[in-house]
């Protein structure tokens, strides 16, 4: 097995390990803007653990009674899922089961698998170049933001703003190492350009997107800008296409109204992911 394949395997293991921790954060962050972050399981037991309870599996050892599997879930278009059915990433266990009483948030195995696949794809496209470490550190945050936005149409400030700063700092460090394939200057300008573009769009039509999307654009602009202006355009365009196709399909299938609010973050992140994959592979 050559080095690139070993790197891909290591990336998959990393993604799966970190992905196990994502569902708890998703559950805690999936609240309305006026509400505090959740600090208890659906049955009311306090969430404890490292980092003030933010790190750990989405499972409550104190739960002895069953909890509805869709507790705390809000679908991608803002409608609560019916009892006993799963959301976009599913809930663990059926309603009334002992497992449903202990677990909360999205299904841990599914989230871990998705995170592992994302990290593996990034590793296969990037190879052993130093920016791969940056992508692997940021990818779980992208998965977390996607799931939170799908649930409550919100992109929390504690994630979006640090994402932009962390991306620029880490890419700056990567630019000092040999064999990198990007430019830190265009990463910085990309963050400003995409953030400015979304801010202008927000001023023109605030009903179409939230200010959280503007702050997310800063981080995505930095990531895409690392590979140049072509990557920035490609990732932004891909996100728009993904969003348009999905929303159109929902309307045609009568699963959403034409003017229903839609979470833009997942499409922006998916577009950036596609842009980075293609540009990293081309580089």
Protein backbone atom coordinates (compact mmCIF):
# COMPACT_ATOMS: atom_id res chain seq x y z
CA UNK A 1 0.00 0.00 0.00
CA UNK A 2 1.51 3.34 -1.04
CA UNK A 3 1.69 6.44 1.15
CA UNK A 4 -1.39 8.13 -0.31
CA UNK A 5 -3.57 5.14 0.55
CA UNK A 6 -2.20 5.02 4.09
CA UNK A 7 -3.02 8.70 4.44
CA UNK A 8 -6.56 8.05 3.19
CA UNK A 9 -7.00 5.23 5.71
CA UNK A 10 -5.73 7.47 8.52
CA UNK A 11 -8.12 10.21 7.38
CA UNK A 12 -11.03 7.77 7.47
CA UNK A 13 -10.15 6.70 11.01
CA UNK A 14 -9.83 10.32 12.07
CA UNK A 15 -13.17 11.23 10.52
CA UNK A 16 -14.96 8.31 12.17
CA UNK A 17 -13.44 9.07 15.58
CA UNK A 18 -14.31 12.76 15.49
CA UNK A 19 -17.68 12.07 13.89
CA UNK A 20 -18.72 10.13 16.99
CA UNK A 21 -18.50 13.40 18.95
CA UNK A 22 -20.51 15.49 16.49
CA UNK A 23 -24.09 14.38 17.40
CA UNK A 24 -23.88 15.70 20.96
CA UNK A 25 -22.78 19.12 19.74
CA UNK A 26 -25.53 19.06 17.10
CA UNK A 27 -28.14 18.36 19.75
CA UNK A 28 -26.87 21.07 22.09
CA UNK A 29 -26.60 23.74 19.40
CA UNK A 30 -29.92 23.03 17.67
CA UNK A 31 -31.97 25.69 19.46
CA UNK A 32 -33.72 28.89 18.44
CA UNK A 33 -31.68 32.12 18.61
CA UNK A 34 -33.42 33.31 21.78
CA UNK A 35 -32.78 30.01 23.63
CA UNK A 36 -29.68 28.93 25.52
CA UNK A 37 -27.66 25.95 24.34
CA UNK A 38 -29.15 22.70 25.56
CA UNK A 39 -27.54 21.41 28.75
CA UNK A 40 -29.79 18.40 29.37
CA UNK A 41 -30.91 15.33 27.46
CA UNK A 42 -34.52 15.18 26.18
CA UNK A 43 -35.55 13.56 29.46
CA UNK A 44 -34.05 16.42 31.48
CA UNK A 45 -30.86 14.81 32.79
CA UNK A 46 -27.86 17.19 32.83
CA UNK A 47 -25.25 16.67 30.12
CA UNK A 48 -21.79 16.33 31.63
CA UNK A 49 -18.34 15.44 30.43
CA UNK A 50 -15.11 17.04 29.19
CA UNK A 51 -15.13 20.64 27.96
CA UNK A 52 -18.22 21.44 30.05
CA UNK A 53 -20.16 18.61 28.49
CA UNK A 54 -19.47 19.47 24.86
CA UNK A 55 -17.28 16.43 24.21
CA UNK A 56 -18.71 12.96 24.38
CA UNK A 57 -21.23 10.67 22.75
CA UNK A 58 -24.86 11.69 22.39
CA UNK A 59 -26.04 9.18 24.94
CA UNK A 60 -27.50 9.66 28.41
CA UNK A 61 -26.60 6.97 30.90
CA UNK A 62 -29.20 8.27 33.37
CA UNK A 63 -32.17 7.67 31.10
CA UNK A 64 -34.22 4.73 32.25
CA UNK A 65 -37.41 5.61 30.39
CA UNK A 66 -37.90 5.84 26.65
CA UNK A 67 -37.69 9.20 24.93
CA UNK A 68 -39.34 9.93 21.55
CA UNK A 69 -36.83 9.33 18.79
CA UNK A 70 -37.58 12.69 17.16
CA UNK A 71 -37.10 14.74 20.35
CA UNK A 72 -35.46 18.03 19.52
CA UNK A 73 -35.53 17.43 15.77
CA UNK A 74 -36.60 19.99 13.26
CA UNK A 75 -36.58 19.11 9.60
CA UNK A 76 -34.76 21.01 6.88
CA UNK A 77 -37.76 23.19 6.07
CA UNK A 78 -38.66 23.89 9.71
CA UNK A 79 -41.30 21.20 10.32
CA UNK A 80 -40.97 18.72 13.12
CA UNK A 81 -40.77 15.12 11.98
CA UNK A 82 -43.61 12.81 13.02
CA UNK A 83 -43.05 10.52 15.95
CA UNK A 84 -41.22 7.34 15.11
CA UNK A 85 -39.72 8.65 11.86
CA UNK A 86 -36.16 9.71 11.27
CA UNK A 87 -34.88 13.06 10.04
CA UNK A 88 -32.27 13.64 7.34
CA UNK A 89 -29.64 11.76 9.31
CA UNK A 90 -32.00 9.71 11.45
CA UNK A 91 -32.47 9.19 15.15
CA UNK A 92 -31.15 6.20 17.02
CA UNK A 93 -33.71 3.54 17.77
CA UNK A 94 -37.47 3.43 17.35
CA UNK A 95 -39.89 5.19 19.62
CA UNK A 96 -40.30 3.45 22.93
CA UNK A 97 -37.11 1.42 22.75
CA UNK A 98 -34.50 1.43 25.49
CA UNK A 99 -31.89 2.71 23.02
CA UNK A 100 -34.09 5.65 22.10
CA UNK A 101 -34.27 6.53 25.80
CA UNK A 102 -30.47 6.65 26.09
CA UNK A 103 -29.50 8.29 22.80
CA UNK A 104 -30.35 11.73 21.47
CA UNK A 105 -29.50 13.84 18.46
CA UNK A 106 -28.68 12.43 15.02
CA UNK A 107 -27.60 8.83 14.62
CA UNK A 108 -23.99 8.51 15.76
CA UNK A 109 -23.03 5.70 13.33
CA UNK A 110 -24.45 7.63 10.37
CA UNK A 111 -22.72 10.89 11.31
CA UNK A 112 -19.43 9.08 11.96
CA UNK A 113 -19.68 7.36 8.57
CA UNK A 114 -20.44 10.61 6.74
CA UNK A 115 -17.55 12.40 8.46
CA UNK A 116 -15.21 9.53 7.64
CA UNK A 117 -16.25 9.59 3.97
CA UNK A 118 -15.74 13.35 3.77
CA UNK A 119 -12.27 13.10 5.29
CA UNK A 120 -11.34 10.16 3.07
CA UNK A 121 -12.41 12.02 -0.08
CA UNK A 122 -10.36 15.05 0.96
CA UNK A 123 -7.32 12.86 1.61
CA UNK A 124 -7.60 11.10 -1.74
CA UNK A 125 -7.90 14.42 -3.57
CA UNK A 126 -5.20 16.29 -1.65
CA UNK A 127 -2.63 13.58 -1.11
CA UNK A 128 0.20 14.26 1.31
CA UNK A 129 0.28 18.03 0.81
CA UNK A 130 0.33 20.03 4.08
CA UNK A 131 -3.08 21.65 3.52
CA UNK A 132 -4.67 18.23 4.02
CA UNK A 133 -4.21 18.67 7.79
CA UNK A 134 -6.25 21.87 7.55
CA UNK A 135 -9.06 20.17 5.62
CA UNK A 136 -9.21 17.29 8.10
CA UNK A 137 -9.48 19.68 11.05
CA UNK A 138 -12.18 21.81 9.42
CA UNK A 139 -14.26 19.01 7.85
CA UNK A 140 -15.99 17.90 11.10
CA UNK A 141 -16.96 21.52 11.74
CA UNK A 142 -18.55 21.62 8.30
CA UNK A 143 -20.55 18.47 9.10
CA UNK A 144 -21.62 19.98 12.43
CA UNK A 145 -22.71 23.26 10.85
CA UNK A 146 -24.64 21.41 8.15
CA UNK A 147 -26.62 19.34 10.63
CA UNK A 148 -27.41 22.28 12.91
CA UNK A 149 -28.58 24.43 10.00
CA UNK A 150 -30.76 21.63 8.67
CA UNK A 151 -32.43 21.29 12.05
CA UNK A 152 -33.06 24.87 13.11
CA UNK A 153 -31.95 27.02 10.15
CA UNK A 154 -29.25 28.59 12.25
CA UNK A 155 -25.48 28.88 11.96
CA UNK A 156 -24.14 29.55 15.48
CA UNK A 157 -21.60 32.34 15.91
CA UNK A 158 -19.31 30.16 18.08
CA UNK A 159 -18.76 28.04 14.97
CA UNK A 160 -18.88 30.39 11.97
CA UNK A 161 -16.59 33.17 13.17
CA UNK A 162 -13.89 30.88 14.61
CA UNK A 163 -14.07 28.82 11.41
CA UNK A 164 -12.95 31.78 9.33
CA UNK A 165 -10.15 32.77 11.71
CA UNK A 166 -8.96 29.20 12.20
CA UNK A 167 -8.94 28.52 8.47
CA UNK A 168 -6.75 31.55 7.78
CA UNK A 169 -4.35 30.76 10.63
CA UNK A 170 -3.98 27.11 9.67
CA UNK A 171 -3.59 27.88 5.97
CA UNK A 172 -1.00 30.48 6.88
CA UNK A 173 0.95 27.75 8.68
CA UNK A 174 0.51 25.38 5.73
CA UNK A 175 1.88 28.03 3.37
CA UNK A 176 5.17 27.94 5.29
CA UNK A 177 5.64 24.24 4.63
CA UNK A 178 7.11 22.76 1.45
CA UNK A 179 4.98 21.22 -1.30
CA UNK A 180 1.78 23.10 -0.50
CA UNK A 181 -0.42 23.78 -3.51
CA UNK A 182 -2.18 27.00 -2.59
CA UNK A 183 -1.63 30.65 -1.71
CA UNK A 184 -2.43 32.25 1.63
CA UNK A 185 -2.91 35.67 0.02
CA UNK A 186 -5.75 34.47 -2.18
CA UNK A 187 -7.22 32.64 0.83
CA UNK A 188 -7.40 35.97 2.67
CA UNK A 189 -8.78 37.84 -0.34
CA UNK A 190 -11.20 34.98 -1.00
CA UNK A 191 -12.58 35.27 2.53
CA UNK A 192 -13.09 39.01 2.11
CA UNK A 193 -14.55 38.66 -1.39
CA UNK A 194 -17.07 35.92 -0.62
CA UNK A 195 -17.98 37.44 2.73
CA UNK A 196 -18.48 40.81 1.05
CA UNK A 197 -20.58 39.27 -1.70
CA UNK A 198 -22.92 37.58 0.77
CA UNK A 199 -23.06 40.73 2.91
CA UNK A 200 -24.14 42.75 -0.11
CA UNK A 201 -26.75 40.12 -0.94
CA UNK A 202 -27.93 40.26 2.68
CA UNK A 203 -28.36 44.03 2.48
CA UNK A 204 -30.27 43.80 -0.80
CA UNK A 205 -32.52 40.90 0.16
CA UNK A 206 -32.27 40.00 3.87
CA UNK A 207 -35.29 37.71 3.63
CA UNK A 208 -33.34 35.36 1.35
CA UNK A 209 -30.51 34.58 3.77
CA UNK A 210 -29.43 35.15 7.34
CA UNK A 211 -26.40 36.97 8.67
CA UNK A 212 -25.04 33.59 9.75
CA UNK A 213 -24.65 32.75 6.06
CA UNK A 214 -22.54 35.90 5.65
CA UNK A 215 -20.23 34.83 8.47
CA UNK A 216 -20.02 31.30 7.10
CA UNK A 217 -19.02 32.74 3.72
CA UNK A 218 -15.87 34.21 5.30
CA UNK A 219 -14.58 30.76 6.24
CA UNK A 220 -15.63 29.11 3.00
CA UNK A 221 -14.06 31.93 1.02
CA UNK A 222 -10.75 31.33 2.79
CA UNK A 223 -10.86 27.60 2.10
CA UNK A 224 -11.76 28.01 -1.57
CA UNK A 225 -9.48 31.00 -2.08
CA UNK A 226 -6.50 28.89 -1.07
CA UNK A 227 -6.64 27.25 -4.49
CA UNK A 228 -7.30 30.50 -6.35
CA UNK A 229 -10.14 32.54 -7.80
CA UNK A 230 -11.26 29.72 -10.05
CA UNK A 231 -11.87 27.52 -7.01
CA UNK A 232 -13.76 30.33 -5.31
CA UNK A 233 -16.06 30.74 -8.29
CA UNK A 234 -16.50 26.98 -8.73
CA UNK A 235 -17.37 26.32 -5.09
CA UNK A 236 -19.77 29.25 -4.90
CA UNK A 237 -21.48 28.31 -8.15
CA UNK A 238 -21.73 24.65 -7.13
CA UNK A 239 -23.40 25.62 -3.87
CA UNK A 240 -25.97 27.71 -5.75
CA UNK A 241 -26.70 24.84 -8.12
CA UNK A 242 -27.08 22.33 -5.29
CA UNK A 243 -29.47 24.62 -3.48
CA UNK A 244 -31.54 25.45 -6.55
CA UNK A 245 -31.90 21.83 -7.61
CA UNK A 246 -32.85 20.61 -4.15
CA UNK A 247 -35.35 23.38 -3.45
CA UNK A 248 -36.94 22.93 -6.88
CA UNK A 249 -37.26 19.21 -6.25
CA UNK A 250 -38.89 19.83 -2.86
CA UNK A 251 -41.41 22.23 -4.40
CA UNK A 252 -42.23 19.85 -7.26
CA UNK A 253 -42.72 17.00 -4.80
CA UNK A 254 -44.86 19.31 -2.64
CA UNK A 255 -42.61 18.79 0.36
CA UNK A 256 -42.04 22.53 0.74
CA UNK A 257 -43.80 25.72 -0.26
CA UNK A 258 -42.28 27.95 -2.92
CA UNK A 259 -41.58 30.78 -0.47
CA UNK A 260 -40.72 28.62 2.55
CA UNK A 261 -37.44 29.58 4.28
CA UNK A 262 -34.55 27.30 3.35
CA UNK A 263 -31.27 26.68 5.16
CA UNK A 264 -28.53 27.87 2.79
CA UNK A 265 -25.58 26.74 4.90
CA UNK A 266 -25.64 23.06 3.84
CA UNK A 267 -25.61 24.01 0.15
CA UNK A 268 -22.79 26.51 0.68
CA UNK A 269 -20.75 23.90 2.52
CA UNK A 270 -21.49 21.20 -0.07
CA UNK A 271 -20.42 23.56 -2.86
CA UNK A 272 -17.20 24.43 -1.04
CA UNK A 273 -16.52 20.74 -0.48
CA UNK A 274 -16.96 20.03 -4.18
CA UNK A 275 -14.76 22.97 -5.13
CA UNK A 276 -11.95 21.92 -2.80
CA UNK A 277 -12.11 18.31 -4.00
CA UNK A 278 -11.85 19.25 -7.67
CA UNK A 279 -9.18 21.90 -7.22
CA UNK A 280 -7.11 19.80 -4.82
CA UNK A 281 -7.16 16.91 -7.27
CA UNK A 282 -6.27 19.19 -10.17
CA UNK A 283 -3.40 20.71 -8.23
